[in-house]
Amino acid sequence: MSNSTYVLDDKLLVSAGARFLNYIIDLFVFFIILIAIGATIGILSALFGLTGLAEWMDGLGDLGWNIIAIVVSLVYYITMEALFGRTVGKFVTGCIVVDENGQKPDFGTIVKRSLCRCIPC
């Protein structure tokens, strides 16, 4: 994303429907990433006989999987928004991430935004 400054007007603001579509698309991508990680670990444990890894995955429980999901979510959002200023959902809908001044947010702001997504409703 370029370091362009955008004028915040009604045209730049995103509707609730577009935000919901961004969320649904990003959630789908998130699940694809989780499935890919699980499949990779499963394939590696089968190919190299790493039975301990498979047993570790089986014994994670809810807390372990929640921690993995939070870490994957943070990595996804922070990486995408810091590098591109958009997530996959925002690319599809044509949205961009800007701060209250219409500029690309700094890395700290992106991290804070991503951490706020982990707050349960």
N, C-alpha and C. Protein backbone atom coordinates (compact mmCIF):
# COMPACT_ATOMS: atom_id res chain seq x y z
N MET A 1 0.85 -1.17 0.00
CA MET A 1 0.00 0.00 0.00
C MET A 1 0.89 1.22 0.00
N SER A 2 0.52 2.19 -0.78
CA SER A 2 1.30 3.42 -0.81
C SER A 2 1.02 4.23 0.45
N ASN A 3 1.84 5.24 0.66
CA ASN A 3 1.66 6.10 1.83
C ASN A 3 0.74 7.27 1.52
N SER A 4 -0.25 7.03 0.68
CA SER A 4 -1.19 8.08 0.29
C SER A 4 -2.03 8.50 1.48
N THR A 5 -2.46 9.74 1.44
CA THR A 5 -3.40 10.25 2.42
C THR A 5 -4.77 10.30 1.77
N TYR A 6 -5.77 9.84 2.47
CA TYR A 6 -7.13 9.83 1.95
C TYR A 6 -7.96 10.82 2.73
N VAL A 7 -8.87 11.49 2.04
CA VAL A 7 -9.78 12.41 2.69
C VAL A 7 -10.95 11.59 3.19
N LEU A 8 -11.20 11.66 4.50
CA LEU A 8 -12.29 10.89 5.08
C LEU A 8 -13.62 11.57 4.79
N ASP A 9 -14.36 10.98 3.88
CA ASP A 9 -15.70 11.45 3.58
C ASP A 9 -16.61 10.23 3.51
N ASP A 10 -17.87 10.46 3.19
CA ASP A 10 -18.82 9.35 3.16
C ASP A 10 -18.44 8.30 2.12
N LYS A 11 -17.76 8.72 1.05
CA LYS A 11 -17.38 7.79 0.01
C LYS A 11 -16.31 6.80 0.51
N LEU A 12 -15.44 7.24 1.41
CA LEU A 12 -14.37 6.39 1.91
C LEU A 12 -14.84 5.47 3.03
N LEU A 13 -15.84 5.89 3.77
CA LEU A 13 -16.33 5.07 4.89
C LEU A 13 -17.00 3.81 4.36
N VAL A 14 -16.85 2.73 5.09
CA VAL A 14 -17.35 1.43 4.65
C VAL A 14 -18.68 1.15 5.33
N SER A 15 -19.59 0.58 4.56
CA SER A 15 -20.91 0.25 5.11
C SER A 15 -20.82 -0.96 6.03
N ALA A 16 -21.85 -1.14 6.83
CA ALA A 16 -21.91 -2.29 7.73
C ALA A 16 -21.94 -3.60 6.94
N GLY A 17 -22.59 -3.59 5.79
CA GLY A 17 -22.63 -4.79 4.95
C GLY A 17 -21.26 -5.16 4.42
N ALA A 18 -20.48 -4.16 4.01
CA ALA A 18 -19.13 -4.43 3.52
C ALA A 18 -18.24 -4.93 4.65
N ARG A 19 -18.41 -4.36 5.84
CA ARG A 19 -17.64 -4.82 7.00
C ARG A 19 -17.97 -6.28 7.32
N PHE A 20 -19.25 -6.63 7.25
CA PHE A 20 -19.66 -8.00 7.52
C PHE A 20 -19.10 -8.96 6.47
N LEU A 21 -19.12 -8.54 5.20
CA LEU A 21 -18.56 -9.36 4.13
C LEU A 21 -17.06 -9.53 4.31
N ASN A 22 -16.36 -8.45 4.71
CA ASN A 22 -14.93 -8.56 5.02
C ASN A 22 -14.70 -9.60 6.11
N TYR A 23 -15.52 -9.55 7.14
CA TYR A 23 -15.40 -10.48 8.26
C TYR A 23 -15.60 -11.92 7.80
N ILE A 24 -16.63 -12.17 7.02
CA ILE A 24 -16.94 -13.52 6.55
C ILE A 24 -15.81 -14.06 5.68
N ILE A 25 -15.31 -13.24 4.77
CA ILE A 25 -14.22 -13.68 3.89
C ILE A 25 -12.95 -13.94 4.71
N ASP A 26 -12.63 -13.04 5.64
CA ASP A 26 -11.44 -13.23 6.47
C ASP A 26 -11.59 -14.45 7.38
N LEU A 27 -12.78 -14.71 7.87
CA LEU A 27 -13.03 -15.89 8.69
C LEU A 27 -12.82 -17.17 7.87
N PHE A 28 -13.27 -17.16 6.63
CA PHE A 28 -13.06 -18.29 5.74
C PHE A 28 -11.57 -18.52 5.50
N VAL A 29 -10.82 -17.45 5.23
CA VAL A 29 -9.38 -17.56 5.02
C VAL A 29 -8.70 -18.06 6.29
N PHE A 30 -9.14 -17.57 7.44
CA PHE A 30 -8.60 -18.01 8.73
C PHE A 30 -8.77 -19.51 8.91
N PHE A 31 -9.96 -20.04 8.60
CA PHE A 31 -10.20 -21.47 8.72
C PHE A 31 -9.36 -22.27 7.73
N ILE A 32 -9.17 -21.74 6.54
CA ILE A 32 -8.31 -22.40 5.55
C ILE A 32 -6.89 -22.49 6.08
N ILE A 33 -6.40 -21.41 6.71
CA ILE A 33 -5.05 -21.41 7.29
C ILE A 33 -4.95 -22.44 8.41
N LEU A 34 -5.95 -22.49 9.29
CA LEU A 34 -5.94 -23.48 10.37
C LEU A 34 -5.95 -24.91 9.83
N ILE A 35 -6.75 -25.15 8.82
CA ILE A 35 -6.80 -26.49 8.21
C ILE A 35 -5.46 -26.82 7.57
N ALA A 36 -4.85 -25.85 6.90
CA ALA A 36 -3.55 -26.08 6.27
C ALA A 36 -2.47 -26.40 7.31
N ILE A 37 -2.51 -25.70 8.43
CA ILE A 37 -1.54 -25.98 9.51
C ILE A 37 -1.76 -27.38 10.06
N GLY A 38 -3.00 -27.74 10.33
CA GLY A 38 -3.31 -29.08 10.83
C GLY A 38 -2.92 -30.17 9.84
N ALA A 39 -3.21 -29.95 8.57
CA ALA A 39 -2.85 -30.94 7.54
C ALA A 39 -1.34 -31.07 7.41
N THR A 40 -0.64 -29.96 7.47
CA THR A 40 0.82 -29.99 7.38
C THR A 40 1.42 -30.77 8.55
N ILE A 41 0.92 -30.49 9.75
CA ILE A 41 1.42 -31.22 10.92
C ILE A 41 1.08 -32.70 10.80
N GLY A 42 -0.12 -33.02 10.34
CA GLY A 42 -0.51 -34.42 10.16
C GLY A 42 0.35 -35.13 9.13
N ILE A 43 0.62 -34.46 8.02
CA ILE A 43 1.45 -35.07 6.97
C ILE A 43 2.88 -35.27 7.46
N LEU A 44 3.43 -34.25 8.13
CA LEU A 44 4.79 -34.37 8.64
C LEU A 44 4.90 -35.49 9.68
N SER A 45 3.90 -35.59 10.54
CA SER A 45 3.96 -36.65 11.56
C SER A 45 3.83 -38.03 10.92
N ALA A 46 3.05 -38.15 9.84
CA ALA A 46 2.91 -39.44 9.16
C ALA A 46 4.16 -39.79 8.36
N LEU A 47 4.73 -38.80 7.68
CA LEU A 47 5.91 -39.06 6.85
C LEU A 47 7.14 -39.39 7.67
N PHE A 48 7.33 -38.69 8.75
CA PHE A 48 8.56 -38.83 9.52
C PHE A 48 8.36 -39.59 10.82
N GLY A 49 7.19 -40.16 11.01
CA GLY A 49 6.94 -40.95 12.20
C GLY A 49 6.96 -40.15 13.49
N LEU A 50 6.54 -38.91 13.42
CA LEU A 50 6.53 -38.05 14.61
C LEU A 50 5.22 -38.27 15.37
N THR A 51 5.14 -39.39 16.04
CA THR A 51 3.90 -39.72 16.75
C THR A 51 3.67 -38.78 17.93
N GLY A 52 4.75 -38.27 18.51
CA GLY A 52 4.61 -37.34 19.63
C GLY A 52 3.89 -36.07 19.22
N LEU A 53 4.13 -35.62 17.99
CA LEU A 53 3.46 -34.41 17.49
C LEU A 53 1.96 -34.65 17.34
N ALA A 54 1.60 -35.80 16.81
CA ALA A 54 0.18 -36.14 16.65
C ALA A 54 -0.49 -36.28 18.02
N GLU A 55 0.20 -36.89 18.95
CA GLU A 55 -0.36 -37.03 20.30
C GLU A 55 -0.51 -35.68 20.98
N TRP A 56 0.45 -34.81 20.74
CA TRP A 56 0.37 -33.45 21.31
C TRP A 56 -0.86 -32.72 20.77
N MET A 57 -1.10 -32.85 19.45
CA MET A 57 -2.28 -32.21 18.85
C MET A 57 -3.57 -32.78 19.43
N ASP A 58 -3.60 -34.09 19.65
CA ASP A 58 -4.80 -34.72 20.21
C ASP A 58 -5.06 -34.25 21.64
N GLY A 59 -4.01 -33.95 22.38
CA GLY A 59 -4.17 -33.58 23.77
C GLY A 59 -4.25 -32.09 24.05
N LEU A 60 -4.35 -31.27 23.00
CA LEU A 60 -4.37 -29.82 23.21
C LEU A 60 -5.57 -29.35 24.02
N GLY A 61 -6.71 -29.88 23.75
CA GLY A 61 -7.92 -29.44 24.45
C GLY A 61 -8.38 -28.08 23.95
N ASP A 62 -9.45 -27.60 24.56
CA ASP A 62 -10.04 -26.33 24.13
C ASP A 62 -9.10 -25.15 24.33
N LEU A 63 -8.45 -25.08 25.47
CA LEU A 63 -7.55 -23.96 25.73
C LEU A 63 -6.40 -23.91 24.74
N GLY A 64 -5.81 -25.05 24.47
CA GLY A 64 -4.70 -25.10 23.52
C GLY A 64 -5.11 -24.66 22.13
N TRP A 65 -6.25 -25.15 21.67
CA TRP A 65 -6.72 -24.76 20.34
C TRP A 65 -7.13 -23.29 20.29
N ASN A 66 -7.69 -22.78 21.39
CA ASN A 66 -8.02 -21.35 21.44
C ASN A 66 -6.77 -20.49 21.35
N ILE A 67 -5.71 -20.89 22.03
CA ILE A 67 -4.45 -20.14 21.97
C ILE A 67 -3.88 -20.18 20.55
N ILE A 68 -3.91 -21.36 19.92
CA ILE A 68 -3.42 -21.47 18.54
C ILE A 68 -4.26 -20.59 17.62
N ALA A 69 -5.57 -20.59 17.80
CA ALA A 69 -6.44 -19.78 16.95
C ALA A 69 -6.16 -18.29 17.13
N ILE A 70 -5.92 -17.85 18.36
CA ILE A 70 -5.62 -16.44 18.61
C ILE A 70 -4.29 -16.06 17.96
N VAL A 71 -3.30 -16.92 18.10
CA VAL A 71 -1.99 -16.62 17.50
C VAL A 71 -2.09 -16.56 15.98
N VAL A 72 -2.78 -17.52 15.38
CA VAL A 72 -2.94 -17.52 13.91
C VAL A 72 -3.70 -16.27 13.47
N SER A 73 -4.74 -15.91 14.20
CA SER A 73 -5.51 -14.72 13.87
C SER A 73 -4.65 -13.46 13.94
N LEU A 74 -3.89 -13.32 15.01
CA LEU A 74 -3.02 -12.15 15.15
C LEU A 74 -1.98 -12.09 14.05
N VAL A 75 -1.36 -13.21 13.76
CA VAL A 75 -0.35 -13.24 12.69
C VAL A 75 -0.98 -12.87 11.35
N TYR A 76 -2.15 -13.41 11.07
CA TYR A 76 -2.84 -13.12 9.80
C TYR A 76 -3.15 -11.63 9.67
N TYR A 77 -3.85 -11.07 10.65
CA TYR A 77 -4.27 -9.68 10.54
C TYR A 77 -3.08 -8.72 10.58
N ILE A 78 -2.14 -8.94 11.49
CA ILE A 78 -1.00 -8.02 11.59
C ILE A 78 -0.16 -8.08 10.32
N THR A 79 0.11 -9.28 9.82
CA THR A 79 0.93 -9.41 8.61
C THR A 79 0.24 -8.77 7.40
N MET A 80 -1.01 -9.11 7.18
CA MET A 80 -1.71 -8.59 6.01
C MET A 80 -1.87 -7.07 6.07
N GLU A 81 -2.28 -6.55 7.21
CA GLU A 81 -2.52 -5.11 7.29
C GLU A 81 -1.22 -4.31 7.31
N ALA A 82 -0.15 -4.87 7.90
CA ALA A 82 1.12 -4.15 7.91
C ALA A 82 1.77 -4.16 6.53
N LEU A 83 1.69 -5.27 5.82
CA LEU A 83 2.33 -5.35 4.51
C LEU A 83 1.52 -4.71 3.40
N PHE A 84 0.21 -4.98 3.39
CA PHE A 84 -0.62 -4.57 2.27
C PHE A 84 -1.65 -3.49 2.61
N GLY A 85 -1.87 -3.25 3.89
CA GLY A 85 -2.90 -2.30 4.28
C GLY A 85 -4.30 -2.87 4.08
N ARG A 86 -4.38 -4.17 3.83
CA ARG A 86 -5.66 -4.84 3.58
C ARG A 86 -5.54 -6.30 3.97
N THR A 87 -6.66 -6.90 4.28
CA THR A 87 -6.73 -8.34 4.43
C THR A 87 -7.33 -8.90 3.15
N VAL A 88 -7.43 -10.21 3.06
CA VAL A 88 -8.01 -10.81 1.85
C VAL A 88 -9.44 -10.31 1.65
N GLY A 89 -10.21 -10.24 2.73
CA GLY A 89 -11.58 -9.74 2.62
C GLY A 89 -11.63 -8.32 2.11
N LYS A 90 -10.72 -7.48 2.57
CA LYS A 90 -10.69 -6.09 2.12
C LYS A 90 -10.24 -5.98 0.67
N PHE A 91 -9.34 -6.88 0.22
CA PHE A 91 -8.96 -6.90 -1.19
C PHE A 91 -10.18 -7.21 -2.06
N VAL A 92 -10.98 -8.19 -1.63
CA VAL A 92 -12.15 -8.60 -2.41
C VAL A 92 -13.18 -7.47 -2.48
N THR A 93 -13.41 -6.78 -1.37
CA THR A 93 -14.44 -5.74 -1.36
C THR A 93 -13.90 -4.36 -1.74
N GLY A 94 -12.59 -4.24 -1.92
CA GLY A 94 -12.00 -2.96 -2.33
C GLY A 94 -11.83 -1.98 -1.19
N CYS A 95 -11.79 -2.46 0.04
CA CYS A 95 -11.62 -1.59 1.21
C CYS A 95 -10.14 -1.44 1.55
N ILE A 96 -9.82 -0.40 2.30
CA ILE A 96 -8.45 -0.19 2.76
C ILE A 96 -8.48 0.14 4.24
N VAL A 97 -7.34 -0.05 4.90
CA VAL A 97 -7.22 0.29 6.32
C VAL A 97 -6.61 1.68 6.42
N VAL A 98 -7.31 2.58 7.09
CA VAL A 98 -6.79 3.92 7.33
C VAL A 98 -7.04 4.28 8.80
N ASP A 99 -6.26 5.23 9.29
CA ASP A 99 -6.50 5.71 10.65
C ASP A 99 -7.50 6.86 10.61
N GLU A 100 -7.71 7.50 11.75
CA GLU A 100 -8.71 8.57 11.82
C GLU A 100 -8.34 9.79 11.00
N ASN A 101 -7.07 9.89 10.56
CA ASN A 101 -6.63 11.01 9.73
C ASN A 101 -6.62 10.67 8.24
N GLY A 102 -7.04 9.45 7.90
CA GLY A 102 -7.06 9.04 6.50
C GLY A 102 -5.72 8.54 6.00
N GLN A 103 -4.78 8.28 6.89
CA GLN A 103 -3.46 7.79 6.50
C GLN A 103 -3.31 6.32 6.86
N LYS A 104 -2.28 5.69 6.28
CA LYS A 104 -2.00 4.31 6.62
C LYS A 104 -1.59 4.28 8.09
N PRO A 105 -2.23 3.41 8.90
CA PRO A 105 -1.89 3.35 10.32
C PRO A 105 -0.47 2.82 10.52
N ASP A 106 0.17 3.25 11.61
CA ASP A 106 1.50 2.73 11.90
C ASP A 106 1.39 1.32 12.47
N PHE A 107 2.52 0.66 12.60
CA PHE A 107 2.53 -0.75 13.02
C PHE A 107 1.89 -0.93 14.39
N GLY A 108 2.15 -0.04 15.32
CA GLY A 108 1.57 -0.15 16.65
C GLY A 108 0.05 -0.10 16.63
N THR A 109 -0.50 0.77 15.80
CA THR A 109 -1.96 0.87 15.67
C THR A 109 -2.53 -0.41 15.06
N ILE A 110 -1.83 -0.97 14.09
CA ILE A 110 -2.28 -2.22 13.47
C ILE A 110 -2.29 -3.35 14.51
N VAL A 111 -1.25 -3.41 15.34
CA VAL A 111 -1.20 -4.43 16.38
C VAL A 111 -2.35 -4.24 17.37
N LYS A 112 -2.62 -3.01 17.77
CA LYS A 112 -3.73 -2.74 18.69
C LYS A 112 -5.07 -3.14 18.09
N ARG A 113 -5.28 -2.81 16.81
CA ARG A 113 -6.51 -3.19 16.13
C ARG A 113 -6.68 -4.71 16.13
N SER A 114 -5.59 -5.41 15.85
CA SER A 114 -5.64 -6.86 15.79
C SER A 114 -5.91 -7.46 17.16
N LEU A 115 -5.30 -6.91 18.19
CA LEU A 115 -5.54 -7.39 19.55
C LEU A 115 -7.00 -7.17 19.95
N CYS A 116 -7.59 -6.07 19.51
CA CYS A 116 -8.99 -5.80 19.85
C CYS A 116 -9.93 -6.83 19.24
N ARG A 117 -9.54 -7.44 18.15
CA ARG A 117 -10.36 -8.49 17.55
C ARG A 117 -10.47 -9.71 18.44
N CYS A 118 -9.53 -9.86 19.37
CA CYS A 118 -9.52 -11.04 20.27
C CYS A 118 -10.41 -10.85 21.48
N ILE A 119 -10.97 -9.67 21.65
CA ILE A 119 -11.85 -9.40 22.80
C ILE A 119 -13.20 -10.05 22.49
N PRO A 120 -13.65 -10.95 23.35
CA PRO A 120 -14.94 -11.59 23.07
C PRO A 120 -16.10 -10.62 23.20
N CYS A 121 -17.11 -10.84 22.40
CA CYS A 121 -18.30 -9.97 22.42
C CYS A 121 -19.22 -10.33 23.55
